[in-house]
Amino acid sequence: MFKRLFCMLVWSTGAVCLIACNTANNRPLSVGFSADSNSIVFKQIDPAGLQLLRQELPADSAFSTLIRVLEKDRGEDTERNIAGIFSVTDSSIVFIPEHTFSKGKDYLVVSYLNARFATAGMLLKGKMDHQLKPEEYLLSY
């Protein structure tokens, strides 16, 4: 009986720890056009991750593997990669394209910022995936 009680205590403590750790920084990434619509701004980034990106700023390849911006024509299935530069501020990342954004186009942003392997609910249900999945955001201009 004590063995069963001890096992239940260990399982419930583990579940509470997983849920508590998972909800600590549970803010979703905010992605949108800047006020003048000349750039895309990424906000609510995990502070530790943002600090690492600040250190990697000269290496643009770090940003190109974490964030991709694709241009889509409305009503068509074609996507074109958009080249640009990234800058890191104290609380956000800004993507400035080489060419200005065009009216009537959709922009698909694929980002690994703040991405997770699984949530606590997925862990408890046994639905954890072995690959990190990016978040996708569709911005219309």
Protein backbone atom coordinates (compact mmCIF):
# COMPACT_ATOMS: atom_id res chain seq x y z
CA MET A 1 0.00 0.00 0.00
CA PHE A 2 2.80 2.43 0.85
CA LYS A 3 4.52 1.56 -2.40
CA ARG A 4 1.41 2.46 -4.40
CA LEU A 5 0.95 5.68 -2.44
CA PHE A 6 4.59 6.60 -2.98
CA CYS A 7 4.29 5.95 -6.76
CA MET A 8 1.18 8.13 -6.97
CA LEU A 9 2.95 10.89 -5.07
CA VAL A 10 5.96 10.75 -7.39
CA TRP A 11 3.77 10.80 -10.54
CA SER A 12 1.62 13.68 -9.34
CA THR A 13 4.67 15.71 -8.28
CA GLY A 14 6.28 15.11 -11.68
CA ALA A 15 3.12 16.16 -13.52
CA VAL A 16 2.82 19.36 -11.46
CA CYS A 17 6.48 20.20 -12.15
CA LEU A 18 6.03 19.68 -15.89
CA ILE A 19 2.95 21.87 -16.01
CA ALA A 20 4.54 24.57 -13.84
CA CYS A 21 7.73 24.65 -15.90
CA ASN A 22 5.79 24.70 -19.15
CA THR A 23 3.60 27.67 -18.27
CA ALA A 24 6.45 29.86 -16.99
CA ASN A 25 7.10 31.46 -20.40
CA ASN A 26 3.90 30.51 -22.15
CA ARG A 27 3.48 33.73 -24.10
CA PRO A 28 2.97 33.22 -27.83
CA LEU A 29 5.31 34.92 -30.25
CA SER A 30 3.90 38.15 -31.67
CA VAL A 31 4.59 38.66 -35.39
CA GLY A 32 3.34 41.60 -37.42
CA PHE A 33 4.17 44.47 -39.72
CA SER A 34 5.76 47.56 -38.23
CA ALA A 35 3.71 50.77 -38.01
CA ASP A 36 5.04 51.98 -41.39
CA SER A 37 4.75 48.46 -42.95
CA ASN A 38 8.38 48.52 -44.07
CA SER A 39 9.47 45.64 -41.82
CA ILE A 40 8.24 42.65 -39.84
CA VAL A 41 8.61 42.80 -36.07
CA PHE A 42 8.90 39.74 -33.79
CA LYS A 43 7.97 40.44 -30.16
CA GLN A 44 7.53 38.45 -26.93
CA ILE A 45 10.64 36.37 -27.55
CA ASP A 46 12.05 34.29 -24.73
CA PRO A 47 14.69 36.54 -23.06
CA ALA A 48 17.34 33.82 -22.92
CA GLY A 49 16.89 33.07 -26.61
CA LEU A 50 17.00 36.76 -27.48
CA GLN A 51 20.30 37.12 -25.62
CA LEU A 52 21.77 34.22 -27.61
CA LEU A 53 20.63 35.83 -30.85
CA ARG A 54 22.25 39.12 -29.86
CA GLN A 55 25.56 37.28 -29.54
CA GLU A 56 25.07 35.65 -32.97
CA LEU A 57 24.07 38.86 -34.78
CA PRO A 58 27.08 38.97 -37.16
CA ALA A 59 26.27 35.44 -38.32
CA ASP A 60 23.20 36.03 -40.52
CA SER A 61 22.98 32.29 -41.13
CA ALA A 62 21.67 31.87 -37.58
CA PHE A 63 18.66 34.03 -38.42
CA SER A 64 18.05 32.42 -41.80
CA THR A 65 17.73 29.01 -40.14
CA LEU A 66 15.38 30.35 -37.44
CA ILE A 67 13.16 32.65 -39.52
CA ARG A 68 12.03 32.50 -43.14
CA VAL A 69 9.82 35.04 -44.87
CA LEU A 70 8.05 33.92 -48.04
CA GLU A 71 6.01 36.02 -50.47
CA LYS A 72 2.76 34.50 -51.77
CA ASP A 73 0.50 35.79 -54.50
CA ARG A 74 -3.15 35.66 -53.49
CA GLY A 75 -4.93 32.83 -55.29
CA GLU A 76 -1.68 31.15 -56.36
CA ASP A 77 0.33 28.40 -54.74
CA THR A 78 3.74 29.84 -55.53
CA GLU A 79 6.03 31.04 -52.76
CA ARG A 80 9.21 33.08 -53.10
CA ASN A 81 11.84 33.47 -50.42
CA ILE A 82 12.43 37.11 -49.45
CA ALA A 83 15.95 38.29 -48.75
CA GLY A 84 16.57 40.88 -46.09
CA ILE A 85 18.48 41.78 -42.96
CA PHE A 86 17.69 41.15 -39.31
CA SER A 87 18.34 43.48 -36.42
CA VAL A 88 17.94 42.78 -32.73
CA THR A 89 16.63 45.42 -30.35
CA ASP A 90 16.40 45.10 -26.58
CA SER A 91 13.03 43.28 -26.77
CA SER A 92 12.38 42.29 -30.39
CA ILE A 93 13.80 41.18 -33.73
CA VAL A 94 13.13 43.23 -36.87
CA PHE A 95 13.25 41.84 -40.43
CA ILE A 96 13.86 44.48 -43.10
CA PRO A 97 13.41 43.14 -46.66
CA GLU A 98 15.72 44.12 -49.52
CA HIS A 99 12.68 45.28 -51.51
CA THR A 100 9.57 46.87 -50.00
CA PHE A 101 6.49 44.78 -49.34
CA SER A 102 3.88 44.85 -52.13
CA LYS A 103 0.19 45.55 -51.71
CA GLY A 104 -2.10 42.61 -52.49
CA LYS A 105 0.46 40.02 -51.42
CA ASP A 106 0.48 37.61 -48.51
CA TYR A 107 3.64 36.94 -46.54
CA LEU A 108 4.20 33.62 -44.82
CA VAL A 109 6.56 33.79 -41.85
CA VAL A 110 8.01 30.47 -40.70
CA SER A 111 9.70 30.81 -37.33
CA TYR A 112 11.40 28.54 -34.81
CA LEU A 113 11.50 31.33 -32.20
CA ASN A 114 9.83 30.21 -28.93
CA ALA A 115 9.08 26.81 -30.52
CA ARG A 116 8.82 23.75 -28.26
CA PHE A 117 8.98 20.01 -28.75
CA ALA A 118 5.84 19.43 -26.71
CA THR A 119 3.55 20.92 -24.11
CA ALA A 120 2.90 19.36 -20.72
CA GLY A 121 -0.45 18.07 -21.97
CA MET A 122 1.23 16.34 -24.89
CA LEU A 123 3.78 14.76 -22.53
CA LEU A 124 1.09 13.44 -20.22
CA LYS A 125 -0.91 12.04 -23.16
CA GLY A 126 2.19 10.45 -24.74
CA LYS A 127 1.92 12.53 -27.91
CA MET A 128 5.37 14.10 -27.80
CA ASP A 129 7.03 14.50 -31.19
CA HIS A 130 10.75 14.04 -31.80
CA GLN A 131 11.04 17.04 -34.12
CA LEU A 132 10.76 20.70 -33.37
CA LYS A 133 7.88 22.20 -35.35
CA PRO A 134 7.99 25.79 -36.56
CA GLU A 135 5.19 28.27 -36.09
CA GLU A 136 3.66 29.74 -39.25
CA TYR A 137 2.12 33.20 -39.49
CA LEU A 138 0.31 34.59 -42.53
CA LEU A 139 0.53 38.36 -42.88
CA SER A 140 -1.56 40.15 -45.50
CA TYR A 141 -0.49 43.51 -46.88
